[in-house]
Amino acid sequence: MFMFCLSVFVVNVNNRLMDLWESGLLAFWVRNLPTIPKANECFADEKNQVSRLVPIRLSDLTSAFLILGIGIGLASLSFLLELIYYNMAKKYLFSAPLVELKQ
């Protein structure tokens, strides 16, 4: 669970953690810790609480794909502008000599 698979103590630690989890001690300790604020109990709205876990749908990720598309569009635009600038600079800077030699 928490340690590397190559460690000698993985089986023992995993078994002890599973024992703590199944006995309910971990949940009890986390629920009764004085350092964790109980804001969810104070500000909870009972009407809007979800009673079961819901899998993530594609419509939930629309904003992430929108931001990704905007980023790819801006990156492509800056790449094209850089190509245009490089070709124009190459055309004008390297076609004529910078210093004319007088003989």
PDB file of N, CA and C in Angstrom:
ATOM      1  N   MET A   1       0.817  -1.191   0.000  1.00  0.00           N
ATOM      2  CA  MET A   1       0.000   0.000   0.000  1.00  0.00           C
ATOM      3  C   MET A   1       0.861   1.255   0.000  1.00  0.00           C
ATOM      4  N   PHE A   2       1.674   1.423   1.052  1.00  0.00           N
ATOM      5  CA  PHE A   2       2.392   2.664   1.202  1.00  0.00           C
ATOM      6  C   PHE A   2       3.885   2.538   0.937  1.00  0.00           C
ATOM      7  N   MET A   3       4.407   1.337   0.899  1.00  0.00           N
ATOM      8  CA  MET A   3       5.845   1.164   0.764  1.00  0.00           C
ATOM      9  C   MET A   3       6.174   0.545  -0.577  1.00  0.00           C
ATOM     10  N   PHE A   4       7.456   0.557  -0.883  1.00  0.00           N
ATOM     11  CA  PHE A   4       7.904  -0.029  -2.130  1.00  0.00           C
ATOM     12  C   PHE A   4       7.764  -1.548  -2.086  1.00  0.00           C
ATOM     13  N   CYS A   5       7.584  -2.151  -3.226  1.00  0.00           N
ATOM     14  CA  CYS A   5       7.388  -3.600  -3.302  1.00  0.00           C
ATOM     15  C   CYS A   5       8.660  -4.367  -2.978  1.00  0.00           C
ATOM     16  N   LEU A   6       9.817  -3.721  -3.052  1.00  0.00           N
ATOM     17  CA  LEU A   6      11.077  -4.413  -2.817  1.00  0.00           C
ATOM     18  C   LEU A   6      11.451  -4.469  -1.344  1.00  0.00           C
ATOM     19  N   SER A   7      10.709  -3.804  -0.489  1.00  0.00           N
ATOM     20  CA  SER A   7      11.033  -3.775   0.925  1.00  0.00           C
ATOM     21  C   SER A   7      10.660  -5.102   1.586  1.00  0.00           C
ATOM     22  N   VAL A   8      11.403  -5.449   2.630  1.00  0.00           N
ATOM     23  CA  VAL A   8      11.184  -6.693   3.354  1.00  0.00           C
ATOM     24  C   VAL A   8       9.926  -6.603   4.217  1.00  0.00           C
ATOM     25  N   PHE A   9       9.583  -5.426   4.668  1.00  0.00           N
ATOM     26  CA  PHE A   9       8.512  -5.243   5.638  1.00  0.00           C
ATOM     27  C   PHE A   9       7.161  -4.915   5.015  1.00  0.00           C
ATOM     28  N   VAL A  10       7.047  -4.964   3.720  1.00  0.00           N
ATOM     29  CA  VAL A  10       5.811  -4.541   3.052  1.00  0.00           C
ATOM     30  C   VAL A  10       4.623  -5.376   3.506  1.00  0.00           C
ATOM     31  N   VAL A  11       4.767  -6.670   3.556  1.00  0.00           N
ATOM     32  CA  VAL A  11       3.654  -7.543   3.917  1.00  0.00           C
ATOM     33  C   VAL A  11       3.206  -7.263   5.344  1.00  0.00           C
ATOM     34  N   ASN A  12       4.161  -7.122   6.256  1.00  0.00           N
ATOM     35  CA  ASN A  12       3.809  -6.864   7.654  1.00  0.00           C
ATOM     36  C   ASN A  12       3.119  -5.512   7.833  1.00  0.00           C
ATOM     37  N   VAL A  13       3.654  -4.480   7.212  1.00  0.00           N
ATOM     38  CA  VAL A  13       3.063  -3.145   7.345  1.00  0.00           C
ATOM     39  C   VAL A  13       1.678  -3.128   6.719  1.00  0.00           C
ATOM     40  N   ASN A  14       1.530  -3.729   5.550  1.00  0.00           N
ATOM     41  CA  ASN A  14       0.221  -3.763   4.900  1.00  0.00           C
ATOM     42  C   ASN A  14      -0.813  -4.509   5.750  1.00  0.00           C
ATOM     43  N   ASN A  15      -0.397  -5.602   6.369  1.00  0.00           N
ATOM     44  CA  ASN A  15      -1.318  -6.357   7.227  1.00  0.00           C
ATOM     45  C   ASN A  15      -1.738  -5.531   8.447  1.00  0.00           C
ATOM     46  N   ARG A  16      -0.795  -4.821   9.061  1.00  0.00           N
ATOM     47  CA  ARG A  16      -1.126  -4.012  10.239  1.00  0.00           C
ATOM     48  C   ARG A  16      -2.034  -2.845   9.857  1.00  0.00           C
ATOM     49  N   LEU A  17      -1.759  -2.215   8.715  1.00  0.00           N
ATOM     50  CA  LEU A  17      -2.623  -1.124   8.267  1.00  0.00           C
ATOM     51  C   LEU A  17      -4.027  -1.631   7.953  1.00  0.00           C
ATOM     52  N   MET A  18      -4.112  -2.810   7.370  1.00  0.00           N
ATOM     53  CA  MET A  18      -5.420  -3.385   7.069  1.00  0.00           C
ATOM     54  C   MET A  18      -6.155  -3.707   8.365  1.00  0.00           C
ATOM     55  N   ASP A  19      -5.440  -4.203   9.363  1.00  0.00           N
ATOM     56  CA  ASP A  19      -6.073  -4.467  10.666  1.00  0.00           C
ATOM     57  C   ASP A  19      -6.625  -3.182  11.287  1.00  0.00           C
ATOM     58  N   LEU A  20      -5.832  -2.101  11.222  1.00  0.00           N
ATOM     59  CA  LEU A  20      -6.293  -0.824  11.763  1.00  0.00           C
ATOM     60  C   LEU A  20      -7.514  -0.307  11.003  1.00  0.00           C
ATOM     61  N   TRP A  21      -7.494  -0.448   9.689  1.00  0.00           N
ATOM     62  CA  TRP A  21      -8.613   0.035   8.872  1.00  0.00           C
ATOM     63  C   TRP A  21      -9.879  -0.769   9.153  1.00  0.00           C
ATOM     64  N   GLU A  22      -9.743  -2.099   9.205  1.00  0.00           N
ATOM     65  CA  GLU A  22     -10.918  -2.948   9.410  1.00  0.00           C
ATOM     66  C   GLU A  22     -11.490  -2.814  10.816  1.00  0.00           C
ATOM     67  N   SER A  23     -10.650  -2.504  11.779  1.00  0.00           N
ATOM     68  CA  SER A  23     -11.166  -2.329  13.142  1.00  0.00           C
ATOM     69  C   SER A  23     -11.863  -0.986  13.320  1.00  0.00           C
ATOM     70  N   GLY A  24     -11.637  -0.048  12.405  1.00  0.00           N
ATOM     71  CA  GLY A  24     -12.276   1.260  12.482  1.00  0.00           C
ATOM     72  C   GLY A  24     -11.487   2.266  13.282  1.00  0.00           C
ATOM     73  N   LEU A  25     -10.296   1.893  13.721  1.00  0.00           N
ATOM     74  CA  LEU A  25      -9.498   2.822  14.526  1.00  0.00           C
ATOM     75  C   LEU A  25      -9.023   4.020  13.714  1.00  0.00           C
ATOM     76  N   LEU A  26      -8.639   3.793  12.475  1.00  0.00           N
ATOM     77  CA  LEU A  26      -8.170   4.916  11.657  1.00  0.00           C
ATOM     78  C   LEU A  26      -9.280   5.940  11.456  1.00  0.00           C
ATOM     79  N   ALA A  27     -10.472   5.480  11.129  1.00  0.00           N
ATOM     80  CA  ALA A  27     -11.603   6.398  10.945  1.00  0.00           C
ATOM     81  C   ALA A  27     -11.923   7.124  12.250  1.00  0.00           C
ATOM     82  N   PHE A  28     -11.857   6.413  13.372  1.00  0.00           N
ATOM     83  CA  PHE A  28     -12.121   7.034  14.678  1.00  0.00           C
ATOM     84  C   PHE A  28     -11.081   8.098  14.993  1.00  0.00           C
ATOM     85  N   TRP A  29      -9.798   7.785  14.753  1.00  0.00           N
ATOM     86  CA  TRP A  29      -8.726   8.733  15.029  1.00  0.00           C
ATOM     87  C   TRP A  29      -8.853   9.984  14.165  1.00  0.00           C
ATOM     88  N   VAL A  30      -9.139   9.805  12.886  1.00  0.00           N
ATOM     89  CA  VAL A  30      -9.263  10.955  11.994  1.00  0.00           C
ATOM     90  C   VAL A  30     -10.486  11.788  12.364  1.00  0.00           C
ATOM     91  N   ARG A  31     -11.569  11.136  12.725  1.00  0.00           N
ATOM     92  CA  ARG A  31     -12.799  11.847  13.079  1.00  0.00           C
ATOM     93  C   ARG A  31     -12.625  12.639  14.374  1.00  0.00           C
ATOM     94  N   ASN A  32     -11.804  12.160  15.296  1.00  0.00           N
ATOM     95  CA  ASN A  32     -11.669  12.791  16.606  1.00  0.00           C
ATOM     96  C   ASN A  32     -10.371  13.566  16.787  1.00  0.00           C
ATOM     97  N   LEU A  33      -9.664  13.848  15.716  1.00  0.00           N
ATOM     98  CA  LEU A  33      -8.445  14.647  15.845  1.00  0.00           C
ATOM     99  C   LEU A  33      -8.808  16.087  16.179  1.00  0.00           C
ATOM    100  N   PRO A  34      -8.162  16.671  17.179  1.00  0.00           N
ATOM    101  CA  PRO A  34      -8.489  18.067  17.523  1.00  0.00           C
ATOM    102  C   PRO A  34      -7.907  19.071  16.528  1.00  0.00           C
ATOM    103  N   THR A  35      -6.950  18.663  15.722  1.00  0.00           N
ATOM    104  CA  THR A  35      -6.305  19.606  14.812  1.00  0.00           C
ATOM    105  C   THR A  35      -7.038  19.768  13.497  1.00  0.00           C
ATOM    106  N   ILE A  36      -7.930  18.859  13.159  1.00  0.00           N
ATOM    107  CA  ILE A  36      -8.668  18.955  11.906  1.00  0.00           C
ATOM    108  C   ILE A  36      -9.946  19.746  12.159  1.00  0.00           C
ATOM    109  N   PRO A  37     -10.131  20.864  11.464  1.00  0.00           N
ATOM    110  CA  PRO A  37     -11.350  21.659  11.700  1.00  0.00           C
ATOM    111  C   PRO A  37     -12.591  20.923  11.208  1.00  0.00           C
ATOM    112  N   LYS A  38     -13.679  21.178  11.875  1.00  0.00           N
ATOM    113  CA  LYS A  38     -14.936  20.523  11.535  1.00  0.00           C
ATOM    114  C   LYS A  38     -15.812  21.444  10.684  1.00  0.00           C
ATOM    115  N   ALA A  39     -15.223  22.086   9.683  1.00  0.00           N
ATOM    116  CA  ALA A  39     -15.963  23.045   8.861  1.00  0.00           C
ATOM    117  C   ALA A  39     -17.068  22.360   8.074  1.00  0.00           C
ATOM    118  N   ASN A  40     -16.853  21.131   7.661  1.00  0.00           N
ATOM    119  CA  ASN A  40     -17.899  20.460   6.889  1.00  0.00           C
ATOM    120  C   ASN A  40     -19.143  20.199   7.740  1.00  0.00           C
ATOM    121  N   GLU A  41     -18.976  20.068   9.038  1.00  0.00           N
ATOM    122  CA  GLU A  41     -20.137  19.894   9.899  1.00  0.00           C
ATOM    123  C   GLU A  41     -20.838  21.223  10.165  1.00  0.00           C
ATOM    124  N   CYS A  42     -20.083  22.307  10.249  1.00  0.00           N
ATOM    125  CA  CYS A  42     -20.671  23.613  10.554  1.00  0.00           C
ATOM    126  C   CYS A  42     -21.394  24.213   9.355  1.00  0.00           C
ATOM    127  N   PHE A  43     -20.796  24.085   8.169  1.00  0.00           N
ATOM    128  CA  PHE A  43     -21.339  24.743   6.992  1.00  0.00           C
ATOM    129  C   PHE A  43     -22.019  23.789   6.022  1.00  0.00           C
ATOM    130  N   ALA A  44     -22.268  22.583   6.447  1.00  0.00           N
ATOM    131  CA  ALA A  44     -22.839  21.598   5.535  1.00  0.00           C
ATOM    132  C   ALA A  44     -24.300  21.926   5.254  1.00  0.00           C
ATOM    133  N   ASP A  45     -24.658  21.786   3.996  1.00  0.00           N
ATOM    134  CA  ASP A  45     -26.048  21.951   3.579  1.00  0.00           C
ATOM    135  C   ASP A  45     -26.593  20.557   3.317  1.00  0.00           C
ATOM    136  N   GLU A  46     -27.486  20.106   4.167  1.00  0.00           N
ATOM    137  CA  GLU A  46     -27.956  18.723   4.078  1.00  0.00           C
ATOM    138  C   GLU A  46     -28.731  18.447   2.798  1.00  0.00           C
ATOM    139  N   LYS A  47     -29.312  19.460   2.193  1.00  0.00           N
ATOM    140  CA  LYS A  47     -30.111  19.252   0.988  1.00  0.00           C
ATOM    141  C   LYS A  47     -29.253  18.932  -0.229  1.00  0.00           C
ATOM    142  N   ASN A  48     -28.026  19.467  -0.274  1.00  0.00           N
ATOM    143  CA  ASN A  48     -27.187  19.308  -1.455  1.00  0.00           C
ATOM    144  C   ASN A  48     -26.119  18.215  -1.322  1.00  0.00           C
ATOM    145  N   GLN A  49     -26.151  17.450  -0.255  1.00  0.00           N
ATOM    146  CA  GLN A  49     -25.141  16.413  -0.084  1.00  0.00           C
ATOM    147  C   GLN A  49     -25.438  15.238  -1.004  1.00  0.00           C
ATOM    148  N   VAL A  50     -24.372  14.655  -1.541  1.00  0.00           N
ATOM    149  CA  VAL A  50     -24.504  13.500  -2.428  1.00  0.00           C
ATOM    150  C   VAL A  50     -24.516  12.252  -1.565  1.00  0.00           C
ATOM    151  N   SER A  51     -25.476  11.384  -1.801  1.00  0.00           N
ATOM    152  CA  SER A  51     -25.604  10.198  -0.971  1.00  0.00           C
ATOM    153  C   SER A  51     -24.767   9.032  -1.486  1.00  0.00           C
ATOM    154  N   ARG A  52     -24.301   9.114  -2.740  1.00  0.00           N
ATOM    155  CA  ARG A  52     -23.472   8.037  -3.284  1.00  0.00           C
ATOM    156  C   ARG A  52     -22.419   8.635  -4.195  1.00  0.00           C
ATOM    157  N   LEU A  53     -21.385   7.875  -4.446  1.00  0.00           N
ATOM    158  CA  LEU A  53     -20.325   8.333  -5.335  1.00  0.00           C
ATOM    159  C   LEU A  53     -20.799   8.234  -6.776  1.00  0.00           C
ATOM    160  N   VAL A  54     -20.483   9.242  -7.562  1.00  0.00           N
ATOM    161  CA  VAL A  54     -20.899   9.292  -8.959  1.00  0.00           C
ATOM    162  C   VAL A  54     -19.647   9.284  -9.816  1.00  0.00           C
ATOM    163  N   PRO A  55     -19.588   8.432 -10.838  1.00  0.00           N
ATOM    164  CA  PRO A  55     -18.398   8.437 -11.700  1.00  0.00           C
ATOM    165  C   PRO A  55     -18.310   9.735 -12.507  1.00  0.00           C
ATOM    166  N   ILE A  56     -17.091  10.101 -12.838  1.00  0.00           N
ATOM    167  CA  ILE A  56     -16.859  11.319 -13.616  1.00  0.00           C
ATOM    168  C   ILE A  56     -17.300  11.078 -15.045  1.00  0.00           C
ATOM    169  N   ARG A  57     -18.066  12.023 -15.581  1.00  0.00           N
ATOM    170  CA  ARG A  57     -18.531  11.940 -16.962  1.00  0.00           C
ATOM    171  C   ARG A  57     -17.702  12.887 -17.820  1.00  0.00           C
ATOM    172  N   LEU A  58     -17.798  12.720 -19.115  1.00  0.00           N
ATOM    173  CA  LEU A  58     -17.069  13.578 -20.036  1.00  0.00           C
ATOM    174  C   LEU A  58     -17.556  15.019 -19.944  1.00  0.00           C
ATOM    175  N   SER A  59     -18.811  15.224 -19.654  1.00  0.00           N
ATOM    176  CA  SER A  59     -19.334  16.585 -19.538  1.00  0.00           C
ATOM    177  C   SER A  59     -18.748  17.309 -18.323  1.00  0.00           C
ATOM    178  N   ASP A  60     -18.271  16.572 -17.333  1.00  0.00           N
ATOM    179  CA  ASP A  60     -17.629  17.195 -16.175  1.00  0.00           C
ATOM    180  C   ASP A  60     -16.257  17.742 -16.538  1.00  0.00           C
ATOM    181  N   LEU A  61     -15.656  17.234 -17.585  1.00  0.00           N
ATOM    182  CA  LEU A  61     -14.307  17.630 -17.979  1.00  0.00           C
ATOM    183  C   LEU A  61     -14.296  18.610 -19.144  1.00  0.00           C
ATOM    184  N   THR A  62     -15.435  19.192 -19.472  1.00  0.00           N
ATOM    185  CA  THR A  62     -15.515  20.095 -20.616  1.00  0.00           C
ATOM    186  C   THR A  62     -14.582  21.285 -20.458  1.00  0.00           C
ATOM    187  N   SER A  63     -14.541  21.876 -19.277  1.00  0.00           N
ATOM    188  CA  SER A  63     -13.687  23.049 -19.079  1.00  0.00           C
ATOM    189  C   SER A  63     -12.212  22.692 -19.215  1.00  0.00           C
ATOM    190  N   ALA A  64     -11.820  21.502 -18.767  1.00  0.00           N
ATOM    191  CA  ALA A  64     -10.419  21.096 -18.906  1.00  0.00           C
ATOM    192  C   ALA A  64     -10.049  20.952 -20.379  1.00  0.00           C
ATOM    193  N   PHE A  65     -10.940  20.359 -21.173  1.00  0.00           N
ATOM    194  CA  PHE A  65     -10.657  20.227 -22.601  1.00  0.00           C
ATOM    195  C   PHE A  65     -10.681  21.579 -23.294  1.00  0.00           C
ATOM    196  N   LEU A  66     -11.516  22.501 -22.833  1.00  0.00           N
ATOM    197  CA  LEU A  66     -11.557  23.839 -23.407  1.00  0.00           C
ATOM    198  C   LEU A  66     -10.244  24.572 -23.147  1.00  0.00           C
ATOM    199  N   ILE A  67      -9.751  24.502 -21.934  1.00  0.00           N
ATOM    200  CA  ILE A  67      -8.470  25.136 -21.604  1.00  0.00           C
ATOM    201  C   ILE A  67      -7.331  24.483 -22.374  1.00  0.00           C
ATOM    202  N   LEU A  68      -7.372  23.170 -22.517  1.00  0.00           N
ATOM    203  CA  LEU A  68      -6.355  22.470 -23.292  1.00  0.00           C
ATOM    204  C   LEU A  68      -6.391  22.914 -24.751  1.00  0.00           C
ATOM    205  N   GLY A  69      -7.573  23.056 -25.324  1.00  0.00           N
ATOM    206  CA  GLY A  69      -7.698  23.504 -26.711  1.00  0.00           C
ATOM    207  C   GLY A  69      -7.187  24.918 -26.903  1.00  0.00           C
ATOM    208  N   ILE A  70      -7.505  25.804 -25.959  1.00  0.00           N
ATOM    209  CA  ILE A  70      -7.008  27.181 -26.044  1.00  0.00           C
ATOM    210  C   ILE A  70      -5.485  27.198 -25.958  1.00  0.00           C
ATOM    211  N   GLY A  71      -4.921  26.399 -25.087  1.00  0.00           N
ATOM    212  CA  GLY A  71      -3.463  26.335 -24.960  1.00  0.00           C
ATOM    213  C   GLY A  71      -2.797  25.819 -26.221  1.00  0.00           C
ATOM    214  N   ILE A  72      -3.360  24.768 -26.802  1.00  0.00           N
ATOM    215  CA  ILE A  72      -2.793  24.226 -28.040  1.00  0.00           C
ATOM    216  C   ILE A  72      -2.925  25.244 -29.176  1.00  0.00           C
ATOM    217  N   GLY A  73      -4.064  25.955 -29.227  1.00  0.00           N
ATOM    218  CA  GLY A  73      -4.256  26.981 -30.252  1.00  0.00           C
ATOM    219  C   GLY A  73      -3.257  28.113 -30.127  1.00  0.00           C
ATOM    220  N   LEU A  74      -3.039  28.601 -28.893  1.00  0.00           N
ATOM    221  CA  LEU A  74      -2.073  29.674 -28.684  1.00  0.00           C
ATOM    222  C   LEU A  74      -0.654  29.227 -28.982  1.00  0.00           C
ATOM    223  N   ALA A  75      -0.323  28.003 -28.629  1.00  0.00           N
ATOM    224  CA  ALA A  75       1.015  27.485 -28.916  1.00  0.00           C
ATOM    225  C   ALA A  75       1.231  27.357 -30.419  1.00  0.00           C
ATOM    226  N   SER A  76       0.208  26.886 -31.143  1.00  0.00           N
ATOM    227  CA  SER A  76       0.323  26.763 -32.598  1.00  0.00           C
ATOM    228  C   SER A  76       0.453  28.141 -33.246  1.00  0.00           C
ATOM    229  N   LEU A  77      -0.312  29.105 -32.772  1.00  0.00           N
ATOM    230  CA  LEU A  77      -0.242  30.453 -33.318  1.00  0.00           C
ATOM    231  C   LEU A  77       1.135  31.068 -33.089  1.00  0.00           C
ATOM    232  N   SER A  78       1.677  30.925 -31.897  1.00  0.00           N
ATOM    233  CA  SER A  78       3.006  31.492 -31.629  1.00  0.00           C
ATOM    234  C   SER A  78       4.076  30.769 -32.441  1.00  0.00           C
ATOM    235  N   PHE A  79       3.915  29.472 -32.667  1.00  0.00           N
ATOM    236  CA  PHE A  79       4.875  28.742 -33.489  1.00  0.00           C
ATOM    237  C   PHE A  79       4.830  29.224 -34.937  1.00  0.00           C
ATOM    238  N   LEU A  80       3.618  29.429 -35.471  1.00  0.00           N
ATOM    239  CA  LEU A  80       3.494  29.936 -36.841  1.00  0.00           C
ATOM    240  C   LEU A  80       4.063  31.342 -36.966  1.00  0.00           C
ATOM    241  N   LEU A  81       3.795  32.212 -35.992  1.00  0.00           N
ATOM    242  CA  LEU A  81       4.369  33.557 -36.028  1.00  0.00           C
ATOM    243  C   LEU A  81       5.880  33.529 -35.952  1.00  0.00           C
ATOM    244  N   GLU A  82       6.420  32.620 -35.184  1.00  0.00           N
ATOM    245  CA  GLU A  82       7.873  32.491 -35.097  1.00  0.00           C
ATOM    246  C   GLU A  82       8.454  32.014 -36.428  1.00  0.00           C
ATOM    247  N   LEU A  83       7.777  31.084 -37.090  1.00  0.00           N
ATOM    248  CA  LEU A  83       8.247  30.638 -38.408  1.00  0.00           C
ATOM    249  C   LEU A  83       8.211  31.769 -39.428  1.00  0.00           C
ATOM    250  N   ILE A  84       7.135  32.540 -39.426  1.00  0.00           N
ATOM    251  CA  ILE A  84       7.029  33.666 -40.352  1.00  0.00           C
ATOM    252  C   ILE A  84       8.116  34.694 -40.066  1.00  0.00           C
ATOM    253  N   TYR A  85       8.331  35.020 -38.808  1.00  0.00           N
ATOM    254  CA  TYR A  85       9.360  35.985 -38.437  1.00  0.00           C
ATOM    255  C   TYR A  85      10.746  35.486 -38.837  1.00  0.00           C
ATOM    256  N   TYR A  86      11.029  34.223 -38.624  1.00  0.00           N
ATOM    257  CA  TYR A  86      12.338  33.674 -38.975  1.00  0.00           C
ATOM    258  C   TYR A  86      12.555  33.730 -40.482  1.00  0.00           C
ATOM    259  N   ASN A  87      11.528  33.369 -41.262  1.00  0.00           N
ATOM    260  CA  ASN A  87      11.681  33.398 -42.717  1.00  0.00           C
ATOM    261  C   ASN A  87      11.857  34.818 -43.229  1.00  0.00           C
ATOM    262  N   MET A  88      11.138  35.781 -42.656  1.00  0.00           N
ATOM    263  CA  MET A  88      11.312  37.168 -43.078  1.00  0.00           C
ATOM    264  C   MET A  88      12.682  37.694 -42.678  1.00  0.00           C
ATOM    265  N   ALA A  89      13.129  37.367 -41.484  1.00  0.00           N
ATOM    266  CA  ALA A  89      14.442  37.824 -41.033  1.00  0.00           C
ATOM    267  C   ALA A  89      15.532  37.196 -41.878  1.00  0.00           C
ATOM    268  N   LYS A  90      15.383  35.941 -42.222  1.00  0.00           N
ATOM    269  CA  LYS A  90      16.380  35.271 -43.054  1.00  0.00           C
ATOM    270  C   LYS A  90      16.424  35.898 -44.442  1.00  0.00           C
ATOM    271  N   LYS A  91      15.268  36.247 -44.956  1.00  0.00           N
ATOM    272  CA  LYS A  91      15.184  36.823 -46.296  1.00  0.00           C
ATOM    273  C   LYS A  91      15.869  38.190 -46.346  1.00  0.00           C
ATOM    274  N   TYR A  92      15.626  39.038 -45.352  1.00  0.00           N
ATOM    275  CA  TYR A  92      16.153  40.395 -45.386  1.00  0.00           C
ATOM    276  C   TYR A  92      17.547  40.525 -44.792  1.00  0.00           C
ATOM    277  N   LEU A  93      17.854  39.775 -43.776  1.00  0.00           N
ATOM    278  CA  LEU A  93      19.154  39.930 -43.123  1.00  0.00           C
ATOM    279  C   LEU A  93      20.270  39.208 -43.861  1.00  0.00           C
ATOM    280  N   PHE A  94      19.978  38.053 -44.405  1.00  0.00           N
ATOM    281  CA  PHE A  94      21.043  37.280 -45.010  1.00  0.00           C
ATOM    282  C   PHE A  94      21.153  37.492 -46.519  1.00  0.00           C
ATOM    283  N   SER A  95      20.247  38.226 -47.118  1.00  0.00           N
ATOM    284  CA  SER A  95      20.330  38.453 -48.568  1.00  0.00           C
ATOM    285  C   SER A  95      21.316  39.566 -48.891  1.00  0.00           C
ATOM    286  N   ALA A  96      21.390  40.596 -48.088  1.00  0.00           N
ATOM    287  CA  ALA A  96      22.321  41.693 -48.331  1.00  0.00           C
ATOM    288  C   ALA A  96      23.431  41.633 -47.291  1.00  0.00           C
ATOM    289  N   PRO A  97      24.643  41.953 -47.700  1.00  0.00           N
ATOM    290  CA  PRO A  97      25.725  41.948 -46.722  1.00  0.00           C
ATOM    291  C   PRO A  97      25.542  43.072 -45.690  1.00  0.00           C
ATOM    292  N   LEU A  98      25.970  42.827 -44.481  1.00  0.00           N
ATOM    293  CA  LEU A  98      25.813  43.812 -43.428  1.00  0.00           C
ATOM    294  C   LEU A  98      26.760  44.992 -43.628  1.00  0.00           C
ATOM    295  N   VAL A  99      27.930  44.701 -44.103  1.00  0.00           N
ATOM    296  CA  VAL A  99      28.939  45.755 -44.323  1.00  0.00           C
ATOM    297  C   VAL A  99      29.373  45.677 -45.773  1.00  0.00           C
ATOM    298  N   GLU A 100      29.324  46.803 -46.431  1.00  0.00           N
ATOM    299  CA  GLU A 100      29.770  46.826 -47.816  1.00  0.00           C
ATOM    300  C   GLU A 100      31.244  47.175 -47.840  1.00  0.00           C
ATOM    301  N   LEU A 101      31.977  46.417 -48.586  1.00  0.00           N
ATOM    302  CA  LEU A 101      33.408  46.646 -48.700  1.00  0.00           C
ATOM    303  C   LEU A 101      33.672  47.595 -49.857  1.00  0.00           C
ATOM    304  N   LYS A 102      34.453  48.641 -49.613  1.00  0.00           N
ATOM    305  CA  LYS A 102      34.802  49.584 -50.662  1.00  0.00           C
ATOM    306  C   LYS A 102      36.199  49.245 -51.180  1.00  0.00           C
ATOM    307  N   GLN A 103      36.309  49.165 -52.472  1.00  0.00           N
ATOM    308  CA  GLN A 103      37.621  48.830 -53.052  1.00  0.00           C
ATOM    309  C   GLN A 103      38.083  49.893 -53.983  1.00  0.00           C
TER     310      GLN A 103
END
